[in-house]
Protein backbone atom coordinates (compact mmCIF):
# COMPACT_ATOMS: atom_id res chain seq x y z
CA MET A 1 2.81 4.05 0.23
CA LEU A 2 0.20 5.11 -2.33
CA GLU A 3 -0.74 1.48 -3.01
CA LYS A 4 -4.43 2.30 -2.62
CA GLU A 5 -4.17 5.13 -5.14
CA TYR A 6 -2.27 3.05 -7.70
CA GLN A 7 -4.68 0.14 -7.23
CA TYR A 8 -7.56 2.54 -7.89
CA TYR A 9 -5.88 3.66 -11.11
CA THR A 10 -5.20 0.14 -12.38
CA THR A 11 -8.71 -1.05 -11.48
CA HIS A 12 -10.37 1.87 -13.30
CA GLU A 13 -7.76 2.31 -16.02
CA ASP A 14 -10.05 1.70 -19.00
CA GLU A 15 -12.69 4.19 -17.91
CA LEU A 16 -10.07 6.77 -16.85
CA LEU A 17 -8.40 6.43 -20.25
CA LYS A 18 -11.69 7.13 -22.03
CA GLN A 19 -12.35 10.20 -19.92
CA TYR A 20 -8.88 11.68 -19.30
CA GLU A 21 -6.49 10.41 -21.99
CA GLY A 22 -3.43 12.65 -22.24
CA LYS A 23 -4.20 14.46 -18.98
CA PHE A 24 -2.51 14.20 -15.60
CA ILE A 25 -4.82 13.12 -12.81
CA ALA A 26 -4.29 13.37 -9.09
CA ILE A 27 -5.63 10.53 -6.99
CA VAL A 28 -6.17 10.70 -3.24
CA GLY A 29 -7.46 7.52 -1.68
CA GLU A 30 -9.95 6.22 -4.20
CA GLU A 31 -10.98 9.57 -5.68
CA ILE A 32 -9.84 11.81 -8.51
CA ALA A 33 -8.74 14.97 -6.72
CA GLY A 34 -7.80 16.94 -9.83
CA VAL A 35 -7.28 16.85 -13.59
CA PHE A 36 -4.48 18.84 -15.21
CA ASP A 37 -2.87 19.49 -18.57
CA THR A 38 0.70 19.27 -17.27
CA GLU A 39 2.54 17.39 -14.55
CA LEU A 40 3.94 20.65 -13.18
CA ALA A 41 0.48 22.18 -12.85
CA ALA A 42 -0.75 19.03 -11.12
CA TYR A 43 2.14 19.01 -8.66
CA ALA A 44 1.92 22.75 -7.90
CA ASP A 45 -1.81 22.58 -7.20
CA MET A 46 -1.81 19.35 -5.23
CA LYS A 47 1.07 20.26 -2.92
CA LYS A 48 -0.96 23.28 -1.79
CA LYS A 49 -3.89 21.06 -0.84
CA TYR A 50 -2.31 17.83 0.44
CA PRO A 51 0.92 16.83 2.18
CA LEU A 52 3.57 15.34 -0.09
CA GLY A 53 3.35 11.57 -0.17
CA THR A 54 -0.44 11.51 0.17
CA PHE A 55 -1.41 11.85 -3.49
CA LEU A 56 -0.54 10.08 -6.71
CA LEU A 57 -0.01 11.95 -9.97
CA GLN A 58 -0.67 9.76 -12.98
CA HIS A 59 -0.31 10.56 -16.68
CA VAL A 60 -3.28 8.87 -18.29
CA LEU A 61 -1.89 7.07 -21.34
CA PRO A 62 -2.44 3.70 -23.01
CA LYS A 63 -0.09 1.04 -21.62
CA LYS A 64 1.95 0.97 -24.84
CA ASP A 65 2.80 4.68 -24.41
CA ARG A 66 3.34 4.71 -20.65
CA ILE A 67 6.68 5.22 -18.95
CA ILE A 68 6.94 4.51 -15.24
CA HIS A 69 9.10 6.79 -13.10
CA ARG A 70 9.87 5.97 -9.50
CA TYR A 71 11.45 8.52 -7.24
CA HIS A 72 13.09 7.67 -3.94
CA SER A 73 14.27 9.99 -1.23
CA ARG A 74 16.02 9.52 2.05
CA VAL A 75 13.71 9.83 5.01
CA ALA A 76 14.65 9.63 8.65
CA PHE A 77 12.13 8.44 11.19
CA GLY A 78 12.94 9.26 14.77
């Protein structure tokens, strides 16, 4: 899930860093769907436009400053 979005980020990381350093970007598919100053603003805006689990929020920081958070939730498929 969200592999395409994360692959887009890693492939374009250098150019995204030049353009959006310090910002939070939202990626849907292979497109930037929004640019935000805070993670909360990004989440609030994106959840109005897209279903949860269909967009990636990424803090645009140099690798040396980046912290990776992974969140897991229980999901039942029936």
